[in-house]
Amino acid sequence: MISLHIEWRRKLIRWLFQLNDQIQIIIATHSPMTAQQVGKGQLYYLKRERGKIELDPFTGDPKTLL
């Protein structure tokens, strides 16, 4: 989504969540503005420790990301 205007990104995220709340949607981004569109408990991040990659939940409120 790097080439999408920020407002189009927001609209796309909202549209995806409106499709069906019973499906899992995986979106990868480096953009905090895109990550802000999800709610608490819906954001995860990857971290690498000692050569191993782990998936961890973001424990804060995504709306507070800069």
Protein backbone atom coordinates (compact mmCIF):
# COMPACT_ATOMS: atom_id res chain seq x y z
CA MET A 1 0.00 0.00 0.00
CA ILE A 2 3.01 2.28 -0.21
CA SER A 3 1.74 3.98 -3.36
CA LEU A 4 -1.75 4.67 -2.02
CA HIS A 5 -2.66 8.09 -0.68
CA ILE A 6 -3.17 7.97 3.10
CA GLU A 7 -6.90 8.64 2.81
CA TRP A 8 -7.27 5.77 0.33
CA ARG A 9 -5.39 3.51 2.76
CA ARG A 10 -7.86 4.42 5.53
CA LYS A 11 -10.82 3.77 3.26
CA LEU A 12 -9.37 0.43 2.15
CA ILE A 13 -8.82 -0.74 5.74
CA ARG A 14 -12.38 0.28 6.74
CA TRP A 15 -13.79 -1.46 3.66
CA LEU A 16 -11.87 -4.67 4.38
CA PHE A 17 -13.21 -4.80 7.94
CA GLN A 18 -16.76 -4.21 6.71
CA LEU A 19 -16.59 -7.17 4.31
CA ASN A 20 -16.93 -9.81 6.97
CA ASP A 21 -16.04 -9.68 10.65
CA GLN A 22 -15.61 -13.47 10.76
CA ILE A 23 -12.50 -13.60 8.55
CA GLN A 24 -8.87 -12.96 9.32
CA ILE A 25 -7.17 -10.19 7.37
CA ILE A 26 -3.39 -9.95 7.34
CA ILE A 27 -1.86 -6.65 6.26
CA ALA A 28 1.86 -5.90 6.39
CA THR A 29 2.93 -2.26 6.66
CA HIS A 30 5.64 0.01 7.97
CA SER A 31 3.19 2.89 8.15
CA PRO A 32 2.02 3.85 11.64
CA MET A 33 -0.89 5.71 10.02
CA THR A 34 -2.10 2.47 8.48
CA ALA A 35 -1.56 0.53 11.73
CA GLN A 36 -3.67 3.12 13.59
CA GLN A 37 -6.76 1.91 11.74
CA VAL A 38 -7.09 -1.30 13.78
CA GLY A 39 -8.36 -1.72 17.31
CA LYS A 40 -6.75 -2.99 20.49
CA GLY A 41 -5.75 -6.63 20.25
CA GLN A 42 -5.68 -6.57 16.43
CA LEU A 43 -2.09 -5.42 15.86
CA TYR A 44 0.96 -7.68 15.93
CA TYR A 45 4.61 -7.07 15.12
CA LEU A 46 7.59 -9.21 14.17
CA LYS A 47 10.77 -9.16 16.20
CA ARG A 48 14.06 -10.96 15.72
CA GLU A 49 15.97 -12.28 18.71
CA ARG A 50 19.06 -14.46 18.40
CA GLY A 51 18.26 -15.21 14.77
CA LYS A 52 14.69 -16.31 15.52
CA ILE A 53 11.69 -14.33 14.29
CA GLU A 54 8.72 -14.07 16.65
CA LEU A 55 5.22 -12.65 16.28
CA ASP A 56 4.18 -10.58 19.31
CA PRO A 57 0.97 -8.70 20.06
CA PHE A 58 1.13 -4.91 20.30
CA THR A 59 -0.07 -4.23 23.85
CA GLY A 60 -0.87 -0.54 23.52
CA ASP A 61 -3.59 1.26 21.66
CA PRO A 62 -2.74 1.43 17.93
CA LYS A 63 -4.42 4.85 17.77
CA THR A 64 -1.48 6.29 19.75
CA LEU A 65 1.16 5.36 17.16
CA LEU A 66 2.92 8.32 15.57
